[in-house]
Amino acid sequence: MAFFDELPERAEQWATDPRRQPDWIGPPENVAGGAVELARVLANTGDAAVALQGAVAYPTGVELAVGLYRRPRPTLLDTFERFRFGIELPDGRRLVDDRWHEDAEATARLVQRGGGGGGLTWRQDYWLWPLPPAGALRVACQWRDEGIEETVVEIDAAPLRAAAARAVELWADDRPVS
């Protein structure tokens, strides 16, 4: 007996857009990105911490996973909305997750793309566009409500660029850009 034989069939319909998304919005929908092990603590007060949990790189950019952690304590407010994250590219361009909408002609962006969690730990995903040039990235975070002042850590773009070279295009996507 096959694994799914006993389950009832279910008809599903998916709406698809005849256009493809612009590169700055998120990863290409026709590419399996290259994984990057990127476990790096950005800040740790002993009661709260921020860490890069990993990345998936594409020829057009990098999806970053950021973990937010808090120690249990008697009065714990939900303060994740006050967390700030940014990246400075090797060429000096600074990108902040809440600023992309201010410049329609931007040549680089950092877009918040969702996440999840609850209680004491959360994961926040970001899209960094375009793929950063060679050199050091300066990754910044700030979470004042949890005692984390602006903290900046440098990471090398080389592993991100190498992973992007391993990304696999699954099919050609010649749809016009929306």
C-alpha atoms as a PDB file:
ATOM      1  CA  MET A   1       0.000   0.000   0.000  1.00  0.00           C
ATOM      2  CA  ALA A   2       1.325   3.435  -0.927  1.00  0.00           C
ATOM      3  CA  PHE A   3       1.756   6.103   1.728  1.00  0.00           C
ATOM      4  CA  PHE A   4      -1.158   8.303   0.599  1.00  0.00           C
ATOM      5  CA  ASP A   5      -3.596   5.587  -0.578  1.00  0.00           C
ATOM      6  CA  GLU A   6      -5.921   5.835   2.434  1.00  0.00           C
ATOM      7  CA  LEU A   7      -6.300   9.604   2.285  1.00  0.00           C
ATOM      8  CA  PRO A   8      -9.217  11.095   0.372  1.00  0.00           C
ATOM      9  CA  GLU A   9      -8.395  13.018  -2.798  1.00  0.00           C
ATOM     10  CA  ARG A  10      -8.678  16.749  -2.450  1.00  0.00           C
ATOM     11  CA  ALA A  11      -9.020  19.156  -5.343  1.00  0.00           C
ATOM     12  CA  GLU A  12      -6.995  22.302  -4.804  1.00  0.00           C
ATOM     13  CA  GLN A  13      -6.847  25.396  -6.919  1.00  0.00           C
ATOM     14  CA  TRP A  14      -3.971  27.821  -6.857  1.00  0.00           C
ATOM     15  CA  ALA A  15      -4.218  31.301  -8.287  1.00  0.00           C
ATOM     16  CA  THR A  16      -1.083  32.317 -10.137  1.00  0.00           C
ATOM     17  CA  ASP A  17      -0.068  35.735 -11.318  1.00  0.00           C
ATOM     18  CA  PRO A  18       0.858  35.807 -15.006  1.00  0.00           C
ATOM     19  CA  ARG A  19       3.674  38.207 -14.089  1.00  0.00           C
ATOM     20  CA  ARG A  20       6.783  37.557 -12.022  1.00  0.00           C
ATOM     21  CA  GLN A  21       7.714  39.628  -8.997  1.00  0.00           C
ATOM     22  CA  PRO A  22      10.490  42.226  -9.220  1.00  0.00           C
ATOM     23  CA  ASP A  23      13.866  40.971  -7.973  1.00  0.00           C
ATOM     24  CA  TRP A  24      13.882  43.351  -4.976  1.00  0.00           C
ATOM     25  CA  ILE A  25      10.716  41.833  -3.445  1.00  0.00           C
ATOM     26  CA  GLY A  26      12.051  38.348  -2.726  1.00  0.00           C
ATOM     27  CA  PRO A  27      13.724  35.210  -4.024  1.00  0.00           C
ATOM     28  CA  PRO A  28      13.036  34.156  -7.601  1.00  0.00           C
ATOM     29  CA  GLU A  29      10.156  31.698  -7.777  1.00  0.00           C
ATOM     30  CA  ASN A  30      11.943  29.407 -10.227  1.00  0.00           C
ATOM     31  CA  VAL A  31      15.239  28.954  -8.374  1.00  0.00           C
ATOM     32  CA  ALA A  32      16.262  26.640  -5.524  1.00  0.00           C
ATOM     33  CA  GLY A  33      18.746  28.729  -3.562  1.00  0.00           C
ATOM     34  CA  GLY A  34      22.046  27.647  -2.083  1.00  0.00           C
ATOM     35  CA  ALA A  35      22.066  27.181   1.702  1.00  0.00           C
ATOM     36  CA  VAL A  36      24.615  28.989   3.859  1.00  0.00           C
ATOM     37  CA  GLU A  37      25.422  27.946   7.408  1.00  0.00           C
ATOM     38  CA  LEU A  38      25.462  31.255   9.184  1.00  0.00           C
ATOM     39  CA  ALA A  39      25.074  30.691  12.922  1.00  0.00           C
ATOM     40  CA  ARG A  40      26.328  33.972  14.361  1.00  0.00           C
ATOM     41  CA  VAL A  41      25.268  35.698  17.587  1.00  0.00           C
ATOM     42  CA  LEU A  42      24.845  39.409  16.911  1.00  0.00           C
ATOM     43  CA  ALA A  43      24.069  40.438  20.494  1.00  0.00           C
ATOM     44  CA  ASN A  44      23.507  38.744  23.865  1.00  0.00           C
ATOM     45  CA  THR A  45      22.727  40.498  27.146  1.00  0.00           C
ATOM     46  CA  GLY A  46      22.155  37.304  29.128  1.00  0.00           C
ATOM     47  CA  ASP A  47      18.405  38.072  29.125  1.00  0.00           C
ATOM     48  CA  ALA A  48      17.912  38.656  25.398  1.00  0.00           C
ATOM     49  CA  ALA A  49      19.837  37.709  22.273  1.00  0.00           C
ATOM     50  CA  VAL A  50      19.779  38.178  18.513  1.00  0.00           C
ATOM     51  CA  ALA A  51      21.413  35.678  16.146  1.00  0.00           C
ATOM     52  CA  LEU A  52      21.729  35.046  12.442  1.00  0.00           C
ATOM     53  CA  GLN A  53      20.334  31.533  12.015  1.00  0.00           C
ATOM     54  CA  GLY A  54      21.170  30.936   8.381  1.00  0.00           C
ATOM     55  CA  ALA A  55      20.812  32.164   4.852  1.00  0.00           C
ATOM     56  CA  VAL A  56      19.723  30.969   1.431  1.00  0.00           C
ATOM     57  CA  ALA A  57      21.492  32.695  -1.442  1.00  0.00           C
ATOM     58  CA  TYR A  58      20.268  33.286  -4.982  1.00  0.00           C
ATOM     59  CA  PRO A  59      21.849  35.015  -7.976  1.00  0.00           C
ATOM     60  CA  THR A  60      19.596  38.016  -7.217  1.00  0.00           C
ATOM     61  CA  GLY A  61      19.950  38.255  -3.426  1.00  0.00           C
ATOM     62  CA  VAL A  62      20.008  36.552  -0.052  1.00  0.00           C
ATOM     63  CA  GLU A  63      17.247  35.432   2.302  1.00  0.00           C
ATOM     64  CA  LEU A  64      18.407  35.826   5.920  1.00  0.00           C
ATOM     65  CA  ALA A  65      16.876  34.216   9.011  1.00  0.00           C
ATOM     66  CA  VAL A  66      17.271  36.171  12.247  1.00  0.00           C
ATOM     67  CA  GLY A  67      16.421  34.651  15.633  1.00  0.00           C
ATOM     68  CA  LEU A  68      15.180  36.746  18.559  1.00  0.00           C
ATOM     69  CA  TYR A  69      15.441  35.145  21.997  1.00  0.00           C
ATOM     70  CA  ARG A  70      14.334  36.188  25.493  1.00  0.00           C
ATOM     71  CA  ARG A  71      14.913  34.644  28.908  1.00  0.00           C
ATOM     72  CA  PRO A  72      11.725  33.982  30.950  1.00  0.00           C
ATOM     73  CA  ARG A  73      11.046  36.546  33.680  1.00  0.00           C
ATOM     74  CA  PRO A  74       8.053  37.672  35.777  1.00  0.00           C
ATOM     75  CA  THR A  75       7.074  40.682  33.645  1.00  0.00           C
ATOM     76  CA  LEU A  76       7.628  40.100  29.954  1.00  0.00           C
ATOM     77  CA  LEU A  77       6.089  42.479  27.462  1.00  0.00           C
ATOM     78  CA  ASP A  78       5.709  41.646  23.787  1.00  0.00           C
ATOM     79  CA  THR A  79       8.268  44.077  22.388  1.00  0.00           C
ATOM     80  CA  PHE A  80       9.356  42.420  19.172  1.00  0.00           C
ATOM     81  CA  GLU A  81       7.917  45.256  17.076  1.00  0.00           C
ATOM     82  CA  ARG A  82      10.641  47.535  18.476  1.00  0.00           C
ATOM     83  CA  PHE A  83      13.441  45.369  17.069  1.00  0.00           C
ATOM     84  CA  ARG A  84      15.521  47.000  14.306  1.00  0.00           C
ATOM     85  CA  PHE A  85      17.755  45.301  11.744  1.00  0.00           C
ATOM     86  CA  GLY A  86      20.024  46.650   9.024  1.00  0.00           C
ATOM     87  CA  ILE A  87      22.922  45.850   6.742  1.00  0.00           C
ATOM     88  CA  GLU A  88      25.713  47.960   5.315  1.00  0.00           C
ATOM     89  CA  LEU A  89      27.037  46.647   2.016  1.00  0.00           C
ATOM     90  CA  PRO A  90      30.774  46.640   1.220  1.00  0.00           C
ATOM     91  CA  ASP A  91      30.277  49.730  -0.989  1.00  0.00           C
ATOM     92  CA  GLY A  92      28.833  51.724   1.945  1.00  0.00           C
ATOM     93  CA  ARG A  93      25.115  51.560   1.128  1.00  0.00           C
ATOM     94  CA  ARG A  94      23.083  51.185   4.345  1.00  0.00           C
ATOM     95  CA  LEU A  95      19.805  49.289   4.297  1.00  0.00           C
ATOM     96  CA  VAL A  96      17.259  49.251   7.111  1.00  0.00           C
ATOM     97  CA  ASP A  97      14.314  46.861   7.113  1.00  0.00           C
ATOM     98  CA  ASP A  98      11.661  49.573   7.493  1.00  0.00           C
ATOM     99  CA  ARG A  99      13.035  51.990   4.874  1.00  0.00           C
ATOM    100  CA  TRP A 100      12.686  50.286   1.461  1.00  0.00           C
ATOM    101  CA  HIS A 101       9.422  52.026   0.580  1.00  0.00           C
ATOM    102  CA  GLU A 102      10.966  55.481   0.782  1.00  0.00           C
ATOM    103  CA  ASP A 103      13.021  55.174  -2.412  1.00  0.00           C
ATOM    104  CA  ALA A 104      11.366  53.692  -5.484  1.00  0.00           C
ATOM    105  CA  GLU A 105      14.642  54.037  -7.412  1.00  0.00           C
ATOM    106  CA  ALA A 106      16.766  52.258  -4.797  1.00  0.00           C
ATOM    107  CA  THR A 107      19.645  50.138  -6.068  1.00  0.00           C
ATOM    108  CA  ALA A 108      19.570  47.896  -2.967  1.00  0.00           C
ATOM    109  CA  ARG A 109      16.907  46.949  -0.406  1.00  0.00           C
ATOM    110  CA  LEU A 110      16.359  44.980   2.772  1.00  0.00           C
ATOM    111  CA  VAL A 111      12.775  43.697   2.887  1.00  0.00           C
ATOM    112  CA  GLN A 112      11.130  42.088   5.919  1.00  0.00           C
ATOM    113  CA  ARG A 113       9.463  38.887   4.675  1.00  0.00           C
ATOM    114  CA  GLY A 114       7.621  37.385   7.589  1.00  0.00           C
ATOM    115  CA  GLY A 115       8.607  34.972  10.286  1.00  0.00           C
ATOM    116  CA  GLY A 116       7.040  33.285  13.236  1.00  0.00           C
ATOM    117  CA  GLY A 117       7.322  32.152  16.786  1.00  0.00           C
ATOM    118  CA  GLY A 118       5.823  33.188  20.060  1.00  0.00           C
ATOM    119  CA  GLY A 119       6.508  33.625  23.710  1.00  0.00           C
ATOM    120  CA  LEU A 120      10.261  33.675  24.140  1.00  0.00           C
ATOM    121  CA  THR A 121      11.641  32.999  20.656  1.00  0.00           C
ATOM    122  CA  TRP A 122      10.897  34.405  17.236  1.00  0.00           C
ATOM    123  CA  ARG A 123      12.352  34.062  13.760  1.00  0.00           C
ATOM    124  CA  GLN A 124      12.277  36.966  11.342  1.00  0.00           C
ATOM    125  CA  ASP A 125      13.153  36.568   7.646  1.00  0.00           C
ATOM    126  CA  TYR A 126      14.659  39.299   5.480  1.00  0.00           C
ATOM    127  CA  TRP A 127      15.398  39.575   1.771  1.00  0.00           C
ATOM    128  CA  LEU A 128      18.636  41.376   0.902  1.00  0.00           C
ATOM    129  CA  TRP A 129      18.703  42.578  -2.706  1.00  0.00           C
ATOM    130  CA  PRO A 130      20.853  42.400  -4.747  1.00  0.00           C
ATOM    131  CA  LEU A 131      23.416  39.702  -4.012  1.00  0.00           C
ATOM    132  CA  PRO A 132      26.067  41.674  -2.110  1.00  0.00           C
ATOM    133  CA  PRO A 133      29.411  42.352  -3.751  1.00  0.00           C
ATOM    134  CA  ALA A 134      32.584  40.777  -2.388  1.00  0.00           C
ATOM    135  CA  GLY A 135      33.803  42.173   0.902  1.00  0.00           C
ATOM    136  CA  ALA A 136      32.556  42.595   4.452  1.00  0.00           C
ATOM    137  CA  LEU A 137      28.891  43.151   5.283  1.00  0.00           C
ATOM    138  CA  ARG A 138      28.174  45.091   8.461  1.00  0.00           C
ATOM    139  CA  VAL A 139      25.073  43.595  10.109  1.00  0.00           C
ATOM    140  CA  ALA A 140      23.385  45.831  12.680  1.00  0.00           C
ATOM    141  CA  CYS A 141      20.638  45.218  15.207  1.00  0.00           C
ATOM    142  CA  GLN A 142      18.992  47.150  18.017  1.00  0.00           C
ATOM    143  CA  TRP A 143      16.392  46.007  20.543  1.00  0.00           C
ATOM    144  CA  ARG A 144      16.338  48.693  23.213  1.00  0.00           C
ATOM    145  CA  ASP A 145      13.319  47.304  25.083  1.00  0.00           C
ATOM    146  CA  GLU A 146      15.430  44.200  25.733  1.00  0.00           C
ATOM    147  CA  GLY A 147      18.608  46.109  26.593  1.00  0.00           C
ATOM    148  CA  ILE A 148      20.344  45.645  23.250  1.00  0.00           C
ATOM    149  CA  GLU A 149      21.765  48.919  21.993  1.00  0.00           C
ATOM    150  CA  GLU A 150      22.965  49.257  18.432  1.00  0.00           C
ATOM    151  CA  THR A 151      25.332  46.376  17.772  1.00  0.00           C
ATOM    152  CA  VAL A 152      27.296  45.873  14.553  1.00  0.00           C
ATOM    153  CA  VAL A 153      28.990  42.639  13.458  1.00  0.00           C
ATOM    154  CA  GLU A 154      30.936  42.060  10.250  1.00  0.00           C
ATOM    155  CA  ILE A 155      30.401  38.984   8.110  1.00  0.00           C
ATOM    156  CA  ASP A 156      32.181  38.052   4.899  1.00  0.00           C
ATOM    157  CA  ALA A 157      30.041  38.066   1.747  1.00  0.00           C
ATOM    158  CA  ALA A 158      32.152  35.271   0.187  1.00  0.00           C
ATOM    159  CA  PRO A 159      30.089  32.339   1.593  1.00  0.00           C
ATOM    160  CA  LEU A 160      26.890  34.053   0.414  1.00  0.00           C
ATOM    161  CA  ARG A 161      28.295  34.551  -3.070  1.00  0.00           C
ATOM    162  CA  ALA A 162      29.552  30.941  -3.202  1.00  0.00           C
ATOM    163  CA  ALA A 163      26.108  29.636  -2.185  1.00  0.00           C
ATOM    164  CA  ALA A 164      24.437  31.804  -4.840  1.00  0.00           C
ATOM    165  CA  ALA A 165      26.673  30.139  -7.425  1.00  0.00           C
ATOM    166  CA  ARG A 166      25.259  26.769  -6.244  1.00  0.00           C
ATOM    167  CA  ALA A 167      21.628  27.895  -6.697  1.00  0.00           C
ATOM    168  CA  VAL A 168      19.741  25.870  -9.286  1.00  0.00           C
ATOM    169  CA  GLU A 169      17.376  27.369 -11.847  1.00  0.00           C
ATOM    170  CA  LEU A 170      14.459  24.928 -12.037  1.00  0.00           C
ATOM    171  CA  TRP A 171      12.946  26.334 -15.239  1.00  0.00           C
ATOM    172  CA  ALA A 172      13.192  29.487 -17.321  1.00  0.00           C
ATOM    173  CA  ASP A 173      10.879  32.271 -16.177  1.00  0.00           C
ATOM    174  CA  ASP A 174      10.223  34.590 -19.086  1.00  0.00           C
ATOM    175  CA  ARG A 175       7.078  36.173 -17.606  1.00  0.00           C
ATOM    176  CA  PRO A 176       7.037  39.958 -17.636  1.00  0.00           C
ATOM    177  CA  VAL A 177       7.858  41.681 -14.334  1.00  0.00           C
ATOM    178  CA  SER A 178       4.855  43.023 -12.408  1.00  0.00           C
END
